Amino acid sequence: MPSFKQTIIDALEKKYEAQMSKAEANLKVLLENPVGVGDHPDIVETIDKEMQKITKAKEMLDELSNWRT
């Protein structure tokens, strides 16, 4: 049975992976589907925000790996 620490680390890992997946899906729509762009007057800023979400989630996953034992 996983320890309490391991359970939390696993949950956080799934959370950060889901955040990356969501941002990647949004980017795909924004970059490949012109219909998805209509709601965003500043498309570059919107894409930048999604890229930041991916970067932050990757950083969190990297840091989380330091806590695994």
PDB file of N, CA and C in Angstrom:
ATOM      1  N   MET A   1       0.848  -1.176   0.000  1.00  0.00           N
ATOM      2  CA  MET A   1       0.000   0.000   0.000  1.00  0.00           C
ATOM      3  C   MET A   1       0.898   1.245   0.000  1.00  0.00           C
ATOM      4  N   PRO A   2       0.588   2.211  -0.882  1.00  0.00           N
ATOM      5  CA  PRO A   2       1.414   3.420  -0.942  1.00  0.00           C
ATOM      6  C   PRO A   2       1.318   4.226   0.350  1.00  0.00           C
ATOM      7  N   SER A   3       2.411   4.888   0.670  1.00  0.00           N
ATOM      8  CA  SER A   3       2.427   5.748   1.851  1.00  0.00           C
ATOM      9  C   SER A   3       1.596   7.002   1.576  1.00  0.00           C
ATOM     10  N   PHE A   4       1.304   7.727   2.636  1.00  0.00           N
ATOM     11  CA  PHE A   4       0.566   8.979   2.528  1.00  0.00           C
ATOM     12  C   PHE A   4       1.328   9.939   1.615  1.00  0.00           C
ATOM     13  N   LYS A   5       2.631  10.023   1.804  1.00  0.00           N
ATOM     14  CA  LYS A   5       3.473  10.896   0.972  1.00  0.00           C
ATOM     15  C   LYS A   5       3.374  10.504  -0.491  1.00  0.00           C
ATOM     16  N   GLN A   6       3.475   9.221  -0.769  1.00  0.00           N
ATOM     17  CA  GLN A   6       3.418   8.732  -2.144  1.00  0.00           C
ATOM     18  C   GLN A   6       2.067   9.018  -2.780  1.00  0.00           C
ATOM     19  N   THR A   7       1.002   8.883  -1.998  1.00  0.00           N
ATOM     20  CA  THR A   7      -0.346   9.156  -2.497  1.00  0.00           C
ATOM     21  C   THR A   7      -0.475  10.618  -2.912  1.00  0.00           C
ATOM     22  N   ILE A   8       0.056  11.518  -2.100  1.00  0.00           N
ATOM     23  CA  ILE A   8      -0.004  12.951  -2.416  1.00  0.00           C
ATOM     24  C   ILE A   8       0.835  13.265  -3.644  1.00  0.00           C
ATOM     25  N   ILE A   9       2.030  12.717  -3.707  1.00  0.00           N
ATOM     26  CA  ILE A   9       2.905  12.957  -4.855  1.00  0.00           C
ATOM     27  C   ILE A   9       2.255  12.436  -6.134  1.00  0.00           C
ATOM     28  N   ASP A  10       1.654  11.264  -6.071  1.00  0.00           N
ATOM     29  CA  ASP A  10       0.966  10.706  -7.250  1.00  0.00           C
ATOM     30  C   ASP A  10      -0.188  11.601  -7.693  1.00  0.00           C
ATOM     31  N   ALA A  11      -0.949  12.100  -6.723  1.00  0.00           N
ATOM     32  CA  ALA A  11      -2.083  12.977  -7.051  1.00  0.00           C
ATOM     33  C   ALA A  11      -1.597  14.270  -7.695  1.00  0.00           C
ATOM     34  N   LEU A  12      -0.529  14.842  -7.154  1.00  0.00           N
ATOM     35  CA  LEU A  12       0.014  16.078  -7.726  1.00  0.00           C
ATOM     36  C   LEU A  12       0.554  15.841  -9.135  1.00  0.00           C
ATOM     37  N   GLU A  13       1.197  14.704  -9.329  1.00  0.00           N
ATOM     38  CA  GLU A  13       1.712  14.369 -10.651  1.00  0.00           C
ATOM     39  C   GLU A  13       0.573  14.309 -11.677  1.00  0.00           C
ATOM     40  N   LYS A  14      -0.502  13.673 -11.310  1.00  0.00           N
ATOM     41  CA  LYS A  14      -1.662  13.588 -12.204  1.00  0.00           C
ATOM     42  C   LYS A  14      -2.244  14.974 -12.469  1.00  0.00           C
ATOM     43  N   LYS A  15      -2.285  15.809 -11.437  1.00  0.00           N
ATOM     44  CA  LYS A  15      -2.805  17.162 -11.588  1.00  0.00           C
ATOM     45  C   LYS A  15      -1.973  17.948 -12.595  1.00  0.00           C
ATOM     46  N   TYR A  16      -0.652  17.920 -12.459  1.00  0.00           N
ATOM     47  CA  TYR A  16       0.215  18.685 -13.356  1.00  0.00           C
ATOM     48  C   TYR A  16       0.172  18.132 -14.776  1.00  0.00           C
ATOM     49  N   GLU A  17       0.089  16.822 -14.908  1.00  0.00           N
ATOM     50  CA  GLU A  17      -0.039  16.223 -16.235  1.00  0.00           C
ATOM     51  C   GLU A  17      -1.351  16.641 -16.893  1.00  0.00           C
ATOM     52  N   ALA A  18      -2.421  16.703 -16.113  1.00  0.00           N
ATOM     53  CA  ALA A  18      -3.720  17.130 -16.651  1.00  0.00           C
ATOM     54  C   ALA A  18      -3.676  18.601 -17.067  1.00  0.00           C
ATOM     55  N   GLN A  19      -2.994  19.432 -16.287  1.00  0.00           N
ATOM     56  CA  GLN A  19      -2.867  20.845 -16.644  1.00  0.00           C
ATOM     57  C   GLN A  19      -2.124  20.996 -17.967  1.00  0.00           C
ATOM     58  N   MET A  20      -1.059  20.215 -18.139  1.00  0.00           N
ATOM     59  CA  MET A  20      -0.316  20.258 -19.396  1.00  0.00           C
ATOM     60  C   MET A  20      -1.182  19.794 -20.556  1.00  0.00           C
ATOM     61  N   SER A  21      -1.898  18.720 -20.351  1.00  0.00           N
ATOM     62  CA  SER A  21      -2.748  18.171 -21.406  1.00  0.00           C
ATOM     63  C   SER A  21      -3.821  19.169 -21.824  1.00  0.00           C
ATOM     64  N   LYS A  22      -4.434  19.819 -20.855  1.00  0.00           N
ATOM     65  CA  LYS A  22      -5.468  20.809 -21.143  1.00  0.00           C
ATOM     66  C   LYS A  22      -4.895  21.987 -21.926  1.00  0.00           C
ATOM     67  N   ALA A  23      -3.759  22.500 -21.502  1.00  0.00           N
ATOM     68  CA  ALA A  23      -3.142  23.631 -22.198  1.00  0.00           C
ATOM     69  C   ALA A  23      -2.712  23.234 -23.609  1.00  0.00           C
ATOM     70  N   GLU A  24      -2.184  22.033 -23.762  1.00  0.00           N
ATOM     71  CA  GLU A  24      -1.792  21.556 -25.092  1.00  0.00           C
ATOM     72  C   GLU A  24      -3.003  21.433 -26.015  1.00  0.00           C
ATOM     73  N   ALA A  25      -4.113  20.946 -25.477  1.00  0.00           N
ATOM     74  CA  ALA A  25      -5.336  20.849 -26.277  1.00  0.00           C
ATOM     75  C   ALA A  25      -5.811  22.237 -26.700  1.00  0.00           C
ATOM     76  N   ASN A  26      -5.766  23.185 -25.771  1.00  0.00           N
ATOM     77  CA  ASN A  26      -6.164  24.558 -26.095  1.00  0.00           C
ATOM     78  C   ASN A  26      -5.264  25.140 -27.178  1.00  0.00           C
ATOM     79  N   LEU A  27      -3.966  24.900 -27.071  1.00  0.00           N
ATOM     80  CA  LEU A  27      -3.033  25.396 -28.091  1.00  0.00           C
ATOM     81  C   LEU A  27      -3.336  24.802 -29.456  1.00  0.00           C
ATOM     82  N   LYS A  28      -3.606  23.526 -29.469  1.00  0.00           N
ATOM     83  CA  LYS A  28      -3.915  22.861 -30.745  1.00  0.00           C
ATOM     84  C   LYS A  28      -5.129  23.504 -31.401  1.00  0.00           C
ATOM     85  N   VAL A  29      -6.162  23.743 -30.615  1.00  0.00           N
ATOM     86  CA  VAL A  29      -7.363  24.390 -31.151  1.00  0.00           C
ATOM     87  C   VAL A  29      -7.037  25.793 -31.642  1.00  0.00           C
ATOM     88  N   LEU A  30      -6.334  26.554 -30.839  1.00  0.00           N
ATOM     89  CA  LEU A  30      -6.017  27.940 -31.194  1.00  0.00           C
ATOM     90  C   LEU A  30      -5.152  28.039 -32.446  1.00  0.00           C
ATOM     91  N   LEU A  31      -4.222  27.110 -32.593  1.00  0.00           N
ATOM     92  CA  LEU A  31      -3.281  27.177 -33.716  1.00  0.00           C
ATOM     93  C   LEU A  31      -3.799  26.504 -34.982  1.00  0.00           C
ATOM     94  N   GLU A  32      -4.674  25.524 -34.834  1.00  0.00           N
ATOM     95  CA  GLU A  32      -5.083  24.741 -35.998  1.00  0.00           C
ATOM     96  C   GLU A  32      -6.540  24.934 -36.412  1.00  0.00           C
ATOM     97  N   ASN A  33      -7.330  25.589 -35.592  1.00  0.00           N
ATOM     98  CA  ASN A  33      -8.745  25.717 -35.884  1.00  0.00           C
ATOM     99  C   ASN A  33      -9.160  27.187 -35.783  1.00  0.00           C
ATOM    100  N   PRO A  34      -9.309  27.858 -36.883  1.00  0.00           N
ATOM    101  CA  PRO A  34      -9.638  29.285 -36.850  1.00  0.00           C
ATOM    102  C   PRO A  34     -10.924  29.614 -36.094  1.00  0.00           C
ATOM    103  N   VAL A  35     -11.834  28.683 -35.992  1.00  0.00           N
ATOM    104  CA  VAL A  35     -13.080  28.923 -35.270  1.00  0.00           C
ATOM    105  C   VAL A  35     -12.792  29.154 -33.789  1.00  0.00           C
ATOM    106  N   GLY A  36     -11.791  28.473 -33.253  1.00  0.00           N
ATOM    107  CA  GLY A  36     -11.444  28.621 -31.844  1.00  0.00           C
ATOM    108  C   GLY A  36     -10.809  29.957 -31.513  1.00  0.00           C
ATOM    109  N   VAL A  37     -10.361  30.678 -32.517  1.00  0.00           N
ATOM    110  CA  VAL A  37      -9.679  31.948 -32.315  1.00  0.00           C
ATOM    111  C   VAL A  37     -10.654  33.101 -32.157  1.00  0.00           C
ATOM    112  N   GLY A  38     -11.854  32.991 -32.645  1.00  0.00           N
ATOM    113  CA  GLY A  38     -12.816  34.081 -32.654  1.00  0.00           C
ATOM    114  C   GLY A  38     -13.096  34.718 -31.311  1.00  0.00           C
ATOM    115  N   ASP A  39     -13.033  33.944 -30.255  1.00  0.00           N
ATOM    116  CA  ASP A  39     -13.327  34.463 -28.921  1.00  0.00           C
ATOM    117  C   ASP A  39     -12.142  35.176 -28.281  1.00  0.00           C
ATOM    118  N   HIS A  40     -11.009  35.196 -28.936  1.00  0.00           N
ATOM    119  CA  HIS A  40      -9.790  35.744 -28.347  1.00  0.00           C
ATOM    120  C   HIS A  40      -9.212  36.833 -29.251  1.00  0.00           C
ATOM    121  N   PRO A  41      -9.508  38.095 -28.943  1.00  0.00           N
ATOM    122  CA  PRO A  41      -9.023  39.180 -29.806  1.00  0.00           C
ATOM    123  C   PRO A  41      -7.496  39.297 -29.825  1.00  0.00           C
ATOM    124  N   ASP A  42      -6.826  38.949 -28.740  1.00  0.00           N
ATOM    125  CA  ASP A  42      -5.367  38.985 -28.698  1.00  0.00           C
ATOM    126  C   ASP A  42      -4.860  37.554 -28.660  1.00  0.00           C
ATOM    127  N   ILE A  43      -4.832  36.937 -29.819  1.00  0.00           N
ATOM    128  CA  ILE A  43      -4.501  35.517 -29.922  1.00  0.00           C
ATOM    129  C   ILE A  43      -3.086  35.218 -29.439  1.00  0.00           C
ATOM    130  N   VAL A  44      -2.156  36.129 -29.698  1.00  0.00           N
ATOM    131  CA  VAL A  44      -0.776  35.904 -29.259  1.00  0.00           C
ATOM    132  C   VAL A  44      -0.716  35.844 -27.733  1.00  0.00           C
ATOM    133  N   GLU A  45      -1.405  36.751 -27.072  1.00  0.00           N
ATOM    134  CA  GLU A  45      -1.439  36.756 -25.608  1.00  0.00           C
ATOM    135  C   GLU A  45      -2.096  35.488 -25.075  1.00  0.00           C
ATOM    136  N   THR A  46      -3.155  35.054 -25.718  1.00  0.00           N
ATOM    137  CA  THR A  46      -3.847  33.842 -25.297  1.00  0.00           C
ATOM    138  C   THR A  46      -2.942  32.623 -25.444  1.00  0.00           C
ATOM    139  N   ILE A  47      -2.231  32.540 -26.553  1.00  0.00           N
ATOM    140  CA  ILE A  47      -1.300  31.427 -26.770  1.00  0.00           C
ATOM    141  C   ILE A  47      -0.158  31.493 -25.765  1.00  0.00           C
ATOM    142  N   ASP A  48       0.332  32.694 -25.491  1.00  0.00           N
ATOM    143  CA  ASP A  48       1.399  32.865 -24.506  1.00  0.00           C
ATOM    144  C   ASP A  48       0.956  32.354 -23.136  1.00  0.00           C
ATOM    145  N   LYS A  49      -0.254  32.630 -22.746  1.00  0.00           N
ATOM    146  CA  LYS A  49      -0.771  32.165 -21.455  1.00  0.00           C
ATOM    147  C   LYS A  49      -0.823  30.639 -21.402  1.00  0.00           C
ATOM    148  N   GLU A  50      -1.227  30.022 -22.491  1.00  0.00           N
ATOM    149  CA  GLU A  50      -1.270  28.559 -22.530  1.00  0.00           C
ATOM    150  C   GLU A  50       0.145  27.977 -22.455  1.00  0.00           C
ATOM    151  N   MET A  51       1.089  28.617 -23.127  1.00  0.00           N
ATOM    152  CA  MET A  51       2.485  28.173 -23.064  1.00  0.00           C
ATOM    153  C   MET A  51       3.031  28.296 -21.638  1.00  0.00           C
ATOM    154  N   GLN A  52       2.664  29.364 -20.967  1.00  0.00           N
ATOM    155  CA  GLN A  52       3.094  29.549 -19.579  1.00  0.00           C
ATOM    156  C   GLN A  52       2.529  28.453 -18.675  1.00  0.00           C
ATOM    157  N   LYS A  53       1.305  28.057 -18.922  1.00  0.00           N
ATOM    158  CA  LYS A  53       0.691  26.980 -18.137  1.00  0.00           C
ATOM    159  C   LYS A  53       1.460  25.676 -18.316  1.00  0.00           C
ATOM    160  N   ILE A  54       1.848  25.384 -19.556  1.00  0.00           N
ATOM    161  CA  ILE A  54       2.619  24.171 -19.829  1.00  0.00           C
ATOM    162  C   ILE A  54       3.970  24.231 -19.126  1.00  0.00           C
ATOM    163  N   THR A  55       4.630  25.364 -19.249  1.00  0.00           N
ATOM    164  CA  THR A  55       5.944  25.533 -18.631  1.00  0.00           C
ATOM    165  C   THR A  55       5.865  25.380 -17.122  1.00  0.00           C
ATOM    166  N   LYS A  56       4.889  26.001 -16.510  1.00  0.00           N
ATOM    167  CA  LYS A  56       4.729  25.924 -15.055  1.00  0.00           C
ATOM    168  C   LYS A  56       4.459  24.487 -14.622  1.00  0.00           C
ATOM    169  N   ALA A  57       3.591  23.791 -15.334  1.00  0.00           N
ATOM    170  CA  ALA A  57       3.286  22.401 -14.982  1.00  0.00           C
ATOM    171  C   ALA A  57       4.522  21.525 -15.119  1.00  0.00           C
ATOM    172  N   LYS A  58       5.334  21.746 -16.162  1.00  0.00           N
ATOM    173  CA  LYS A  58       6.575  20.980 -16.329  1.00  0.00           C
ATOM    174  C   LYS A  58       7.542  21.258 -15.189  1.00  0.00           C
ATOM    175  N   GLU A  59       7.640  22.525 -14.802  1.00  0.00           N
ATOM    176  CA  GLU A  59       8.505  22.882 -13.680  1.00  0.00           C
ATOM    177  C   GLU A  59       8.044  22.191 -12.397  1.00  0.00           C
ATOM    178  N   MET A  60       6.755  22.157 -12.190  1.00  0.00           N
ATOM    179  CA  MET A  60       6.217  21.512 -10.998  1.00  0.00           C
ATOM    180  C   MET A  60       6.488  20.003 -11.024  1.00  0.00           C
ATOM    181  N   LEU A  61       6.352  19.389 -12.177  1.00  0.00           N
ATOM    182  CA  LEU A  61       6.660  17.959 -12.290  1.00  0.00           C
ATOM    183  C   LEU A  61       8.139  17.698 -12.023  1.00  0.00           C
ATOM    184  N   ASP A  62       8.998  18.560 -12.551  1.00  0.00           N
ATOM    185  CA  ASP A  62      10.437  18.404 -12.293  1.00  0.00           C
ATOM    186  C   ASP A  62      10.745  18.518 -10.806  1.00  0.00           C
ATOM    187  N   GLU A  63      10.159  19.514 -10.171  1.00  0.00           N
ATOM    188  CA  GLU A  63      10.382  19.683  -8.730  1.00  0.00           C
ATOM    189  C   GLU A  63       9.801  18.508  -7.943  1.00  0.00           C
ATOM    190  N   LEU A  64       8.657  18.039  -8.353  1.00  0.00           N
ATOM    191  CA  LEU A  64       8.023  16.917  -7.663  1.00  0.00           C
ATOM    192  C   LEU A  64       8.907  15.673  -7.709  1.00  0.00           C
ATOM    193  N   SER A  65       9.628  15.498  -8.794  1.00  0.00           N
ATOM    194  CA  SER A  65      10.506  14.339  -8.897  1.00  0.00           C
ATOM    195  C   SER A  65      11.603  14.357  -7.826  1.00  0.00           C
ATOM    196  N   ASN A  66      11.941  15.538  -7.324  1.00  0.00           N
ATOM    197  CA  ASN A  66      12.942  15.648  -6.251  1.00  0.00           C
ATOM    198  C   ASN A  66      12.412  15.121  -4.924  1.00  0.00           C
ATOM    199  N   TRP A  67      11.104  15.008  -4.790  1.00  0.00           N
ATOM    200  CA  TRP A  67      10.491  14.583  -3.541  1.00  0.00           C
ATOM    201  C   TRP A  67      10.178  13.082  -3.514  1.00  0.00           C
ATOM    202  N   ARG A  68      10.376  12.418  -4.633  1.00  0.00           N
ATOM    203  CA  ARG A  68      10.165  10.964  -4.663  1.00  0.00           C
ATOM    204  C   ARG A  68      11.367  10.279  -3.994  1.00  0.00           C
ATOM    205  N   THR A  69      11.091   9.248  -3.262  1.00  0.00           N
ATOM    206  CA  THR A  69      12.201   8.500  -2.636  1.00  0.00           C
ATOM    207  C   THR A  69      12.082   7.032  -2.913  1.00  0.00           C
TER     208      THR A  69
END
